[in-house]
Amino acid sequence: MTQTQTESKLYTFDEFIEWYPENSGKRYELRRGMIFEMPKPTGTHSDVSGFIAGILFLEILRLKFPYSIPKERVVKVENASYEPDVIVIDKNQVANKENRWKKESIITSL
């Protein structure tokens, strides 16, 4: 993990999202106002997260829950932001409570 911040400035969540480079192929996290570049997952890590997502997806279908497992997502938790390997969201909750979801794949209020 490499801290990528080049200034002494601490970033807010919105500043972090504005800063976040599109199509860079890299992942970043915001922790206590500082931006960190995250290492790419290993093959084994990707296999495990893919397996977990697949099992969860089958259960969502079987139980007919209004859930999804988005591929792209940024999650804000208190004073941090990260991209979890797997997340299950309630589509109804996101539609009703998360204004940024449709436009930016961002979860801040759930």
PDB file of N, CA and C in Angstrom:
ATOM      1  N   MET A   1       0.847  -1.163   0.000  1.00  0.00           N
ATOM      2  CA  MET A   1       0.000   0.000   0.000  1.00  0.00           C
ATOM      3  C   MET A   1       0.896   1.231   0.000  1.00  0.00           C
ATOM      4  N   THR A   2       0.607   2.145  -0.889  1.00  0.00           N
ATOM      5  CA  THR A   2       1.407   3.343  -1.039  1.00  0.00           C
ATOM      6  C   THR A   2       0.548   4.567  -0.815  1.00  0.00           C
ATOM      7  N   GLN A   3       1.021   5.451   0.015  1.00  0.00           N
ATOM      8  CA  GLN A   3       0.301   6.706   0.178  1.00  0.00           C
ATOM      9  C   GLN A   3       0.584   7.540  -1.056  1.00  0.00           C
ATOM     10  N   THR A   4      -0.479   8.007  -1.728  1.00  0.00           N
ATOM     11  CA  THR A   4      -0.305   8.726  -2.983  1.00  0.00           C
ATOM     12  C   THR A   4      -0.429  10.226  -2.825  1.00  0.00           C
ATOM     13  N   GLN A   5      -0.799  10.663  -1.676  1.00  0.00           N
ATOM     14  CA  GLN A   5      -0.991  12.083  -1.453  1.00  0.00           C
ATOM     15  C   GLN A   5       0.346  12.803  -1.627  1.00  0.00           C
ATOM     16  N   THR A   6       0.355  13.846  -2.459  1.00  0.00           N
ATOM     17  CA  THR A   6       1.607  14.562  -2.712  1.00  0.00           C
ATOM     18  C   THR A   6       1.667  15.885  -1.953  1.00  0.00           C
ATOM     19  N   GLU A   7       0.554  16.290  -1.374  1.00  0.00           N
ATOM     20  CA  GLU A   7       0.539  17.536  -0.611  1.00  0.00           C
ATOM     21  C   GLU A   7       0.244  17.205   0.844  1.00  0.00           C
ATOM     22  N   SER A   8       0.312  18.210   1.682  1.00  0.00           N
ATOM     23  CA  SER A   8      -0.021  17.982   3.078  1.00  0.00           C
ATOM     24  C   SER A   8      -1.520  18.136   3.324  1.00  0.00           C
ATOM     25  N   LYS A   9      -2.282  18.392   2.288  1.00  0.00           N
ATOM     26  CA  LYS A   9      -3.731  18.581   2.387  1.00  0.00           C
ATOM     27  C   LYS A   9      -4.441  17.281   2.747  1.00  0.00           C
ATOM     28  N   LEU A  10      -5.431  17.394   3.609  1.00  0.00           N
ATOM     29  CA  LEU A  10      -6.305  16.265   3.897  1.00  0.00           C
ATOM     30  C   LEU A  10      -7.556  16.410   3.045  1.00  0.00           C
ATOM     31  N   TYR A  11      -8.004  15.302   2.466  1.00  0.00           N
ATOM     32  CA  TYR A  11      -9.123  15.305   1.534  1.00  0.00           C
ATOM     33  C   TYR A  11     -10.433  14.935   2.220  1.00  0.00           C
ATOM     34  N   THR A  12     -11.518  15.590   1.808  1.00  0.00           N
ATOM     35  CA  THR A  12     -12.846  15.164   2.207  1.00  0.00           C
ATOM     36  C   THR A  12     -13.266  14.033   1.259  1.00  0.00           C
ATOM     37  N   PHE A  13     -14.362  13.380   1.577  1.00  0.00           N
ATOM     38  CA  PHE A  13     -14.858  12.321   0.699  1.00  0.00           C
ATOM     39  C   PHE A  13     -15.161  12.869  -0.698  1.00  0.00           C
ATOM     40  N   ASP A  14     -15.856  13.999  -0.774  1.00  0.00           N
ATOM     41  CA  ASP A  14     -16.195  14.569  -2.085  1.00  0.00           C
ATOM     42  C   ASP A  14     -14.950  14.980  -2.872  1.00  0.00           C
ATOM     43  N   GLU A  15     -13.955  15.513  -2.201  1.00  0.00           N
ATOM     44  CA  GLU A  15     -12.699  15.865  -2.885  1.00  0.00           C
ATOM     45  C   GLU A  15     -11.999  14.610  -3.394  1.00  0.00           C
ATOM     46  N   PHE A  16     -12.046  13.545  -2.604  1.00  0.00           N
ATOM     47  CA  PHE A  16     -11.460  12.277  -3.008  1.00  0.00           C
ATOM     48  C   PHE A  16     -12.144  11.746  -4.266  1.00  0.00           C
ATOM     49  N   ILE A  17     -13.469  11.781  -4.304  1.00  0.00           N
ATOM     50  CA  ILE A  17     -14.210  11.301  -5.469  1.00  0.00           C
ATOM     51  C   ILE A  17     -13.882  12.157  -6.693  1.00  0.00           C
ATOM     52  N   GLU A  18     -13.793  13.453  -6.501  1.00  0.00           N
ATOM     53  CA  GLU A  18     -13.434  14.349  -7.617  1.00  0.00           C
ATOM     54  C   GLU A  18     -12.016  14.064  -8.112  1.00  0.00           C
ATOM     55  N   TRP A  19     -11.110  13.770  -7.199  1.00  0.00           N
ATOM     56  CA  TRP A  19      -9.713  13.484  -7.532  1.00  0.00           C
ATOM     57  C   TRP A  19      -9.543  12.123  -8.212  1.00  0.00           C
ATOM     58  N   TYR A  20     -10.360  11.157  -7.853  1.00  0.00           N
ATOM     59  CA  TYR A  20     -10.177   9.754  -8.251  1.00  0.00           C
ATOM     60  C   TYR A  20     -10.038   9.639  -9.770  1.00  0.00           C
ATOM     61  N   PRO A  21      -8.895   9.148 -10.254  1.00  0.00           N
ATOM     62  CA  PRO A  21      -8.680   9.067 -11.704  1.00  0.00           C
ATOM     63  C   PRO A  21      -9.518   7.951 -12.343  1.00  0.00           C
ATOM     64  N   GLU A  22     -10.189   8.270 -13.432  1.00  0.00           N
ATOM     65  CA  GLU A  22     -10.975   7.270 -14.153  1.00  0.00           C
ATOM     66  C   GLU A  22     -10.058   6.457 -15.055  1.00  0.00           C
ATOM     67  N   ASN A  23     -10.388   5.200 -15.217  1.00  0.00           N
ATOM     68  CA  ASN A  23      -9.694   4.297 -16.140  1.00  0.00           C
ATOM     69  C   ASN A  23      -8.197   4.177 -15.879  1.00  0.00           C
ATOM     70  N   SER A  24      -7.778   4.342 -14.646  1.00  0.00           N
ATOM     71  CA  SER A  24      -6.348   4.234 -14.353  1.00  0.00           C
ATOM     72  C   SER A  24      -5.932   2.785 -14.124  1.00  0.00           C
ATOM     73  N   GLY A  25      -6.917   1.927 -13.843  1.00  0.00           N
ATOM     74  CA  GLY A  25      -6.601   0.538 -13.526  1.00  0.00           C
ATOM     75  C   GLY A  25      -6.093   0.355 -12.111  1.00  0.00           C
ATOM     76  N   LYS A  26      -6.082   1.424 -11.338  1.00  0.00           N
ATOM     77  CA  LYS A  26      -5.612   1.359  -9.958  1.00  0.00           C
ATOM     78  C   LYS A  26      -6.780   1.609  -9.016  1.00  0.00           C
ATOM     79  N   ARG A  27      -6.637   1.116  -7.791  1.00  0.00           N
ATOM     80  CA  ARG A  27      -7.655   1.309  -6.763  1.00  0.00           C
ATOM     81  C   ARG A  27      -7.081   2.169  -5.660  1.00  0.00           C
ATOM     82  N   TYR A  28      -7.941   3.008  -5.103  1.00  0.00           N
ATOM     83  CA  TYR A  28      -7.512   3.920  -4.049  1.00  0.00           C
ATOM     84  C   TYR A  28      -8.497   3.868  -2.890  1.00  0.00           C
ATOM     85  N   GLU A  29      -7.989   4.186  -1.712  1.00  0.00           N
ATOM     86  CA  GLU A  29      -8.816   4.312  -0.517  1.00  0.00           C
ATOM     87  C   GLU A  29      -8.523   5.654   0.133  1.00  0.00           C
ATOM     88  N   LEU A  30      -9.513   6.157   0.824  1.00  0.00           N
ATOM     89  CA  LEU A  30      -9.359   7.374   1.605  1.00  0.00           C
ATOM     90  C   LEU A  30      -9.488   6.992   3.064  1.00  0.00           C
ATOM     91  N   ARG A  31      -8.468   7.305   3.837  1.00  0.00           N
ATOM     92  CA  ARG A  31      -8.492   7.022   5.274  1.00  0.00           C
ATOM     93  C   ARG A  31      -7.996   8.228   6.043  1.00  0.00           C
ATOM     94  N   ARG A  32      -8.842   8.716   6.950  1.00  0.00           N
ATOM     95  CA  ARG A  32      -8.514   9.899   7.766  1.00  0.00           C
ATOM     96  C   ARG A  32      -7.991  11.052   6.906  1.00  0.00           C
ATOM     97  N   GLY A  33      -8.605  11.227   5.730  1.00  0.00           N
ATOM     98  CA  GLY A  33      -8.258  12.345   4.861  1.00  0.00           C
ATOM     99  C   GLY A  33      -7.085  12.099   3.941  1.00  0.00           C
ATOM    100  N   MET A  34      -6.421  10.951   4.059  1.00  0.00           N
ATOM    101  CA  MET A  34      -5.256  10.648   3.219  1.00  0.00           C
ATOM    102  C   MET A  34      -5.624   9.596   2.166  1.00  0.00           C
ATOM    103  N   ILE A  35      -5.071   9.757   0.975  1.00  0.00           N
ATOM    104  CA  ILE A  35      -5.343   8.852  -0.135  1.00  0.00           C
ATOM    105  C   ILE A  35      -4.228   7.808  -0.218  1.00  0.00           C
ATOM    106  N   PHE A  36      -4.651   6.549  -0.338  1.00  0.00           N
ATOM    107  CA  PHE A  36      -3.708   5.443  -0.449  1.00  0.00           C
ATOM    108  C   PHE A  36      -3.996   4.637  -1.711  1.00  0.00           C
ATOM    109  N   GLU A  37      -2.950   4.321  -2.460  1.00  0.00           N
ATOM    110  CA  GLU A  37      -3.089   3.406  -3.592  1.00  0.00           C
ATOM    111  C   GLU A  37      -3.067   1.990  -3.043  1.00  0.00           C
ATOM    112  N   MET A  38      -4.015   1.188  -3.477  1.00  0.00           N
ATOM    113  CA  MET A  38      -4.121  -0.183  -2.998  1.00  0.00           C
ATOM    114  C   MET A  38      -3.525  -1.140  -4.025  1.00  0.00           C
ATOM    115  N   PRO A  39      -2.843  -2.175  -3.565  1.00  0.00           N
ATOM    116  CA  PRO A  39      -2.263  -3.132  -4.506  1.00  0.00           C
ATOM    117  C   PRO A  39      -3.358  -3.916  -5.223  1.00  0.00           C
ATOM    118  N   LYS A  40      -3.052  -4.337  -6.442  1.00  0.00           N
ATOM    119  CA  LYS A  40      -4.001  -5.170  -7.182  1.00  0.00           C
ATOM    120  C   LYS A  40      -4.146  -6.503  -6.451  1.00  0.00           C
ATOM    121  N   PRO A  41      -5.362  -7.049  -6.423  1.00  0.00           N
ATOM    122  CA  PRO A  41      -5.557  -8.345  -5.766  1.00  0.00           C
ATOM    123  C   PRO A  41      -4.793  -9.451  -6.490  1.00  0.00           C
ATOM    124  N   THR A  42      -4.402 -10.454  -5.744  1.00  0.00           N
ATOM    125  CA  THR A  42      -3.746 -11.617  -6.346  1.00  0.00           C
ATOM    126  C   THR A  42      -4.803 -12.489  -7.017  1.00  0.00           C
ATOM    127  N   GLY A  43      -4.359 -13.447  -7.805  1.00  0.00           N
ATOM    128  CA  GLY A  43      -5.283 -14.375  -8.453  1.00  0.00           C
ATOM    129  C   GLY A  43      -6.120 -15.141  -7.447  1.00  0.00           C
ATOM    130  N   THR A  44      -5.486 -15.616  -6.386  1.00  0.00           N
ATOM    131  CA  THR A  44      -6.211 -16.359  -5.351  1.00  0.00           C
ATOM    132  C   THR A  44      -7.263 -15.474  -4.691  1.00  0.00           C
ATOM    133  N   HIS A  45      -6.895 -14.257  -4.391  1.00  0.00           N
ATOM    134  CA  HIS A  45      -7.823 -13.302  -3.789  1.00  0.00           C
ATOM    135  C   HIS A  45      -9.032 -13.099  -4.710  1.00  0.00           C
ATOM    136  N   SER A  46      -8.780 -12.895  -5.991  1.00  0.00           N
ATOM    137  CA  SER A  46      -9.860 -12.700  -6.962  1.00  0.00           C
ATOM    138  C   SER A  46     -10.743 -13.936  -7.072  1.00  0.00           C
ATOM    139  N   ASP A  47     -10.131 -15.122  -7.043  1.00  0.00           N
ATOM    140  CA  ASP A  47     -10.915 -16.362  -7.084  1.00  0.00           C
ATOM    141  C   ASP A  47     -11.858 -16.454  -5.890  1.00  0.00           C
ATOM    142  N   VAL A  48     -11.345 -16.148  -4.708  1.00  0.00           N
ATOM    143  CA  VAL A  48     -12.162 -16.243  -3.489  1.00  0.00           C
ATOM    144  C   VAL A  48     -13.301 -15.224  -3.528  1.00  0.00           C
ATOM    145  N   SER A  49     -13.006 -13.974  -3.873  1.00  0.00           N
ATOM    146  CA  SER A  49     -14.072 -12.968  -3.900  1.00  0.00           C
ATOM    147  C   SER A  49     -15.087 -13.282  -4.997  1.00  0.00           C
ATOM    148  N   GLY A  50     -14.643 -13.805  -6.130  1.00  0.00           N
ATOM    149  CA  GLY A  50     -15.566 -14.221  -7.188  1.00  0.00           C
ATOM    150  C   GLY A  50     -16.453 -15.371  -6.755  1.00  0.00           C
ATOM    151  N   PHE A  51     -15.883 -16.325  -6.034  1.00  0.00           N
ATOM    152  CA  PHE A  51     -16.645 -17.461  -5.527  1.00  0.00           C
ATOM    153  C   PHE A  51     -17.706 -16.985  -4.535  1.00  0.00           C
ATOM    154  N   ILE A  52     -17.310 -16.124  -3.612  1.00  0.00           N
ATOM    155  CA  ILE A  52     -18.253 -15.589  -2.620  1.00  0.00           C
ATOM    156  C   ILE A  52     -19.388 -14.842  -3.320  1.00  0.00           C
ATOM    157  N   ALA A  53     -19.056 -14.002  -4.282  1.00  0.00           N
ATOM    158  CA  ALA A  53     -20.083 -13.256  -5.015  1.00  0.00           C
ATOM    159  C   ALA A  53     -21.025 -14.209  -5.740  1.00  0.00           C
ATOM    160  N   GLY A  54     -20.482 -15.278  -6.317  1.00  0.00           N
ATOM    161  CA  GLY A  54     -21.316 -16.252  -7.027  1.00  0.00           C
ATOM    162  C   GLY A  54     -22.287 -16.956  -6.102  1.00  0.00           C
ATOM    163  N   ILE A  55     -21.820 -17.390  -4.959  1.00  0.00           N
ATOM    164  CA  ILE A  55     -22.689 -18.073  -3.987  1.00  0.00           C
ATOM    165  C   ILE A  55     -23.780 -17.123  -3.494  1.00  0.00           C
ATOM    166  N   LEU A  56     -23.392 -15.897  -3.171  1.00  0.00           N
ATOM    167  CA  LEU A  56     -24.383 -14.914  -2.726  1.00  0.00           C
ATOM    168  C   LEU A  56     -25.413 -14.639  -3.821  1.00  0.00           C
ATOM    169  N   PHE A  57     -24.967 -14.534  -5.057  1.00  0.00           N
ATOM    170  CA  PHE A  57     -25.871 -14.280  -6.179  1.00  0.00           C
ATOM    171  C   PHE A  57     -26.887 -15.413  -6.330  1.00  0.00           C
ATOM    172  N   LEU A  58     -26.439 -16.651  -6.215  1.00  0.00           N
ATOM    173  CA  LEU A  58     -27.354 -17.789  -6.321  1.00  0.00           C
ATOM    174  C   LEU A  58     -28.417 -17.742  -5.221  1.00  0.00           C
ATOM    175  N   GLU A  59     -28.011 -17.373  -4.019  1.00  0.00           N
ATOM    176  CA  GLU A  59     -28.971 -17.269  -2.923  1.00  0.00           C
ATOM    177  C   GLU A  59     -29.953 -16.113  -3.140  1.00  0.00           C
ATOM    178  N   ILE A  60     -29.467 -15.010  -3.660  1.00  0.00           N
ATOM    179  CA  ILE A  60     -30.338 -13.876  -3.971  1.00  0.00           C
ATOM    180  C   ILE A  60     -31.402 -14.303  -4.978  1.00  0.00           C
ATOM    181  N   LEU A  61     -30.986 -15.022  -6.017  1.00  0.00           N
ATOM    182  CA  LEU A  61     -31.945 -15.512  -7.013  1.00  0.00           C
ATOM    183  C   LEU A  61     -32.917 -16.511  -6.402  1.00  0.00           C
ATOM    184  N   ARG A  62     -32.407 -17.456  -5.635  1.00  0.00           N
ATOM    185  CA  ARG A  62     -33.240 -18.504  -5.046  1.00  0.00           C
ATOM    186  C   ARG A  62     -34.299 -17.921  -4.121  1.00  0.00           C
ATOM    187  N   LEU A  63     -33.902 -16.953  -3.312  1.00  0.00           N
ATOM    188  CA  LEU A  63     -34.811 -16.360  -2.340  1.00  0.00           C
ATOM    189  C   LEU A  63     -35.628 -15.191  -2.906  1.00  0.00           C
ATOM    190  N   LYS A  64     -35.317 -14.819  -4.150  1.00  0.00           N
ATOM    191  CA  LYS A  64     -36.018 -13.720  -4.836  1.00  0.00           C
ATOM    192  C   LYS A  64     -35.939 -12.404  -4.061  1.00  0.00           C
ATOM    193  N   PHE A  65     -34.773 -12.154  -3.499  1.00  0.00           N
ATOM    194  CA  PHE A  65     -34.548 -10.904  -2.783  1.00  0.00           C
ATOM    195  C   PHE A  65     -34.271  -9.777  -3.790  1.00  0.00           C
ATOM    196  N   PRO A  66     -34.623  -8.548  -3.461  1.00  0.00           N
ATOM    197  CA  PRO A  66     -34.349  -7.412  -4.347  1.00  0.00           C
ATOM    198  C   PRO A  66     -32.932  -6.868  -4.133  1.00  0.00           C
ATOM    199  N   TYR A  67     -31.963  -7.744  -4.178  1.00  0.00           N
ATOM    200  CA  TYR A  67     -30.570  -7.376  -3.908  1.00  0.00           C
ATOM    201  C   TYR A  67     -29.754  -7.474  -5.190  1.00  0.00           C
ATOM    202  N   SER A  68     -28.620  -6.813  -5.174  1.00  0.00           N
ATOM    203  CA  SER A  68     -27.660  -6.954  -6.276  1.00  0.00           C
ATOM    204  C   SER A  68     -26.251  -6.936  -5.705  1.00  0.00           C
ATOM    205  N   ILE A  69     -25.326  -7.373  -6.538  1.00  0.00           N
ATOM    206  CA  ILE A  69     -23.906  -7.388  -6.176  1.00  0.00           C
ATOM    207  C   ILE A  69     -23.185  -6.564  -7.251  1.00  0.00           C
ATOM    208  N   PRO A  70     -23.080  -5.260  -7.031  1.00  0.00           N
ATOM    209  CA  PRO A  70     -22.490  -4.408  -8.065  1.00  0.00           C
ATOM    210  C   PRO A  70     -20.993  -4.656  -8.240  1.00  0.00           C
ATOM    211  N   LYS A  71     -20.561  -4.557  -9.473  1.00  0.00           N
ATOM    212  CA  LYS A  71     -19.136  -4.722  -9.773  1.00  0.00           C
ATOM    213  C   LYS A  71     -18.356  -3.452  -9.434  1.00  0.00           C
ATOM    214  N   GLU A  72     -18.906  -2.313  -9.790  1.00  0.00           N
ATOM    215  CA  GLU A  72     -18.266  -1.026  -9.515  1.00  0.00           C
ATOM    216  C   GLU A  72     -18.968  -0.383  -8.330  1.00  0.00           C
ATOM    217  N   ARG A  73     -18.192   0.068  -7.329  1.00  0.00           N
ATOM    218  CA  ARG A  73     -18.774   0.704  -6.172  1.00  0.00           C
ATOM    219  C   ARG A  73     -17.693   1.351  -5.313  1.00  0.00           C
ATOM    220  N   VAL A  74     -18.047   2.470  -4.736  1.00  0.00           N
ATOM    221  CA  VAL A  74     -17.211   3.126  -3.732  1.00  0.00           C
ATOM    222  C   VAL A  74     -18.108   3.317  -2.520  1.00  0.00           C
ATOM    223  N   VAL A  75     -17.625   2.924  -1.368  1.00  0.00           N
ATOM    224  CA  VAL A  75     -18.408   2.979  -0.144  1.00  0.00           C
ATOM    225  C   VAL A  75     -17.760   3.960   0.824  1.00  0.00           C
ATOM    226  N   LYS A  76     -18.587   4.852   1.369  1.00  0.00           N
ATOM    227  CA  LYS A  76     -18.121   5.787   2.386  1.00  0.00           C
ATOM    228  C   LYS A  76     -18.551   5.256   3.748  1.00  0.00           C
ATOM    229  N   VAL A  77     -17.600   5.132   4.641  1.00  0.00           N
ATOM    230  CA  VAL A  77     -17.870   4.706   6.011  1.00  0.00           C
ATOM    231  C   VAL A  77     -17.153   5.679   6.932  1.00  0.00           C
ATOM    232  N   GLU A  78     -17.935   6.447   7.690  1.00  0.00           N
ATOM    233  CA  GLU A  78     -17.404   7.476   8.583  1.00  0.00           C
ATOM    234  C   GLU A  78     -16.406   8.356   7.847  1.00  0.00           C
ATOM    235  N   ASN A  79     -15.135   8.349   8.243  1.00  0.00           N
ATOM    236  CA  ASN A  79     -14.150   9.216   7.590  1.00  0.00           C
ATOM    237  C   ASN A  79     -13.239   8.428   6.661  1.00  0.00           C
ATOM    238  N   ALA A  80     -13.787   7.379   6.043  1.00  0.00           N
ATOM    239  CA  ALA A  80     -13.005   6.550   5.124  1.00  0.00           C
ATOM    240  C   ALA A  80     -13.835   6.198   3.894  1.00  0.00           C
ATOM    241  N   SER A  81     -13.149   5.759   2.869  1.00  0.00           N
ATOM    242  CA  SER A  81     -13.800   5.321   1.640  1.00  0.00           C
ATOM    243  C   SER A  81     -13.001   4.159   1.081  1.00  0.00           C
ATOM    244  N   TYR A  82     -13.708   3.150   0.602  1.00  0.00           N
ATOM    245  CA  TYR A  82     -13.019   2.003   0.035  1.00  0.00           C
ATOM    246  C   TYR A  82     -13.881   1.318  -1.012  1.00  0.00           C
ATOM    247  N   GLU A  83     -13.272   0.397  -1.751  1.00  0.00           N
ATOM    248  CA  GLU A  83     -13.952  -0.411  -2.750  1.00  0.00           C
ATOM    249  C   GLU A  83     -13.908  -1.863  -2.282  1.00  0.00           C
ATOM    250  N   PRO A  84     -14.978  -2.327  -1.639  1.00  0.00           N
ATOM    251  CA  PRO A  84     -14.951  -3.701  -1.135  1.00  0.00           C
ATOM    252  C   PRO A  84     -14.901  -4.716  -2.268  1.00  0.00           C
ATOM    253  N   ASP A  85     -14.337  -5.876  -1.985  1.00  0.00           N
ATOM    254  CA  ASP A  85     -14.262  -6.933  -2.994  1.00  0.00           C
ATOM    255  C   ASP A  85     -15.651  -7.419  -3.378  1.00  0.00           C
ATOM    256  N   VAL A  86     -16.526  -7.542  -2.400  1.00  0.00           N
ATOM    257  CA  VAL A  86     -17.895  -7.984  -2.631  1.00  0.00           C
ATOM    258  C   VAL A  86     -18.800  -7.182  -1.706  1.00  0.00           C
ATOM    259  N   ILE A  87     -19.910  -6.713  -2.245  1.00  0.00           N
ATOM    260  CA  ILE A  87     -20.912  -6.043  -1.427  1.00  0.00           C
ATOM    261  C   ILE A  87     -22.282  -6.406  -1.982  1.00  0.00           C
ATOM    262  N   VAL A  88     -23.206  -6.663  -1.078  1.00  0.00           N
ATOM    263  CA  VAL A  88     -24.593  -6.940  -1.462  1.00  0.00           C
ATOM    264  C   VAL A  88     -25.409  -5.724  -1.062  1.00  0.00           C
ATOM    265  N   ILE A  89     -26.148  -5.177  -2.021  1.00  0.00           N
ATOM    266  CA  ILE A  89     -26.971  -4.012  -1.712  1.00  0.00           C
ATOM    267  C   ILE A  89     -28.443  -4.334  -1.952  1.00  0.00           C
ATOM    268  N   ASP A  90     -29.281  -3.711  -1.152  1.00  0.00           N
ATOM    269  CA  ASP A  90     -30.723  -3.798  -1.321  1.00  0.00           C
ATOM    270  C   ASP A  90     -31.110  -2.726  -2.336  1.00  0.00           C
ATOM    271  N   LYS A  91     -31.588  -3.141  -3.502  1.00  0.00           N
ATOM    272  CA  LYS A  91     -31.909  -2.197  -4.570  1.00  0.00           C
ATOM    273  C   LYS A  91     -32.960  -1.177  -4.135  1.00  0.00           C
ATOM    274  N   ASN A  92     -33.903  -1.584  -3.300  1.00  0.00           N
ATOM    275  CA  ASN A  92     -34.933  -0.652  -2.827  1.00  0.00           C
ATOM    276  C   ASN A  92     -34.329   0.421  -1.923  1.00  0.00           C
ATOM    277  N   GLN A  93     -33.444   0.023  -1.030  1.00  0.00           N
ATOM    278  CA  GLN A  93     -32.791   0.985  -0.140  1.00  0.00           C
ATOM    279  C   GLN A  93     -31.938   1.977  -0.927  1.00  0.00           C
ATOM    280  N   VAL A  94     -31.207   1.456  -1.894  1.00  0.00           N
ATOM    281  CA  VAL A  94     -30.349   2.325  -2.706  1.00  0.00           C
ATOM    282  C   VAL A  94     -31.207   3.310  -3.501  1.00  0.00           C
ATOM    283  N   ALA A  95     -32.297   2.820  -4.084  1.00  0.00           N
ATOM    284  CA  ALA A  95     -33.169   3.695  -4.875  1.00  0.00           C
ATOM    285  C   ALA A  95     -33.793   4.791  -4.016  1.00  0.00           C
ATOM    286  N   ASN A  96     -34.119   4.467  -2.762  1.00  0.00           N
ATOM    287  CA  ASN A  96     -34.811   5.423  -1.894  1.00  0.00           C
ATOM    288  C   ASN A  96     -33.887   6.331  -1.092  1.00  0.00           C
ATOM    289  N   LYS A  97     -32.668   5.887  -0.798  1.00  0.00           N
ATOM    290  CA  LYS A  97     -31.820   6.638   0.127  1.00  0.00           C
ATOM    291  C   LYS A  97     -30.495   7.119  -0.437  1.00  0.00           C
ATOM    292  N   GLU A  98     -30.092   6.598  -1.561  1.00  0.00           N
ATOM    293  CA  GLU A  98     -28.752   6.930  -2.047  1.00  0.00           C
ATOM    294  C   GLU A  98     -28.819   7.732  -3.343  1.00  0.00           C
ATOM    295  N   ASN A  99     -28.666   9.040  -3.208  1.00  0.00           N
ATOM    296  CA  ASN A  99     -28.788   9.934  -4.365  1.00  0.00           C
ATOM    297  C   ASN A  99     -27.667   9.767  -5.386  1.00  0.00           C
ATOM    298  N   ARG A 100     -26.502   9.342  -4.965  1.00  0.00           N
ATOM    299  CA  ARG A 100     -25.342   9.306  -5.857  1.00  0.00           C
ATOM    300  C   ARG A 100     -25.185   7.981  -6.604  1.00  0.00           C
ATOM    301  N   TRP A 101     -25.999   6.992  -6.254  1.00  0.00           N
ATOM    302  CA  TRP A 101     -25.787   5.647  -6.793  1.00  0.00           C
ATOM    303  C   TRP A 101     -25.905   5.580  -8.312  1.00  0.00           C
ATOM    304  N   LYS A 102     -26.962   6.083  -8.872  1.00  0.00           N
ATOM    305  CA  LYS A 102     -27.188   5.967 -10.320  1.00  0.00           C
ATOM    306  C   LYS A 102     -26.120   6.678 -11.134  1.00  0.00           C
ATOM    307  N   LYS A 103     -25.677   7.810 -10.648  1.00  0.00           N
ATOM    308  CA  LYS A 103     -24.731   8.627 -11.404  1.00  0.00           C
ATOM    309  C   LYS A 103     -23.277   8.258 -11.170  1.00  0.00           C
ATOM    310  N   GLU A 104     -22.940   7.815  -9.934  1.00  0.00           N
ATOM    311  CA  GLU A 104     -21.532   7.659  -9.594  1.00  0.00           C
ATOM    312  C   GLU A 104     -21.142   6.317  -8.978  1.00  0.00           C
ATOM    313  N   SER A 105     -22.054   5.388  -8.798  1.00  0.00           N
ATOM    314  CA  SER A 105     -21.751   4.105  -8.127  1.00  0.00           C
ATOM    315  C   SER A 105     -21.145   4.329  -6.737  1.00  0.00           C
ATOM    316  N   ILE A 106     -21.725   5.271  -6.002  1.00  0.00           N
ATOM    317  CA  ILE A 106     -21.233   5.638  -4.689  1.00  0.00           C
ATOM    318  C   ILE A 106     -22.311   5.374  -3.649  1.00  0.00           C
ATOM    319  N   ILE A 107     -21.917   4.745  -2.540  1.00  0.00           N
ATOM    320  CA  ILE A 107     -22.819   4.512  -1.426  1.00  0.00           C
ATOM    321  C   ILE A 107     -22.305   5.310  -0.237  1.00  0.00           C
ATOM    322  N   THR A 108     -23.145   6.228   0.253  1.00  0.00           N
ATOM    323  CA  THR A 108     -22.733   7.059   1.385  1.00  0.00           C
ATOM    324  C   THR A 108     -23.692   7.000   2.557  1.00  0.00           C
ATOM    325  N   SER A 109     -24.927   6.586   2.328  1.00  0.00           N
ATOM    326  CA  SER A 109     -25.930   6.742   3.382  1.00  0.00           C
ATOM    327  C   SER A 109     -26.549   5.427   3.860  1.00  0.00           C
ATOM    328  N   LEU A 110     -26.041   4.307   3.474  1.00  0.00           N
ATOM    329  CA  LEU A 110     -26.646   3.030   3.895  1.00  0.00           C
ATOM    330  C   LEU A 110     -25.867   2.389   4.993  1.00  0.00           C
TER     331      LEU A 110
END
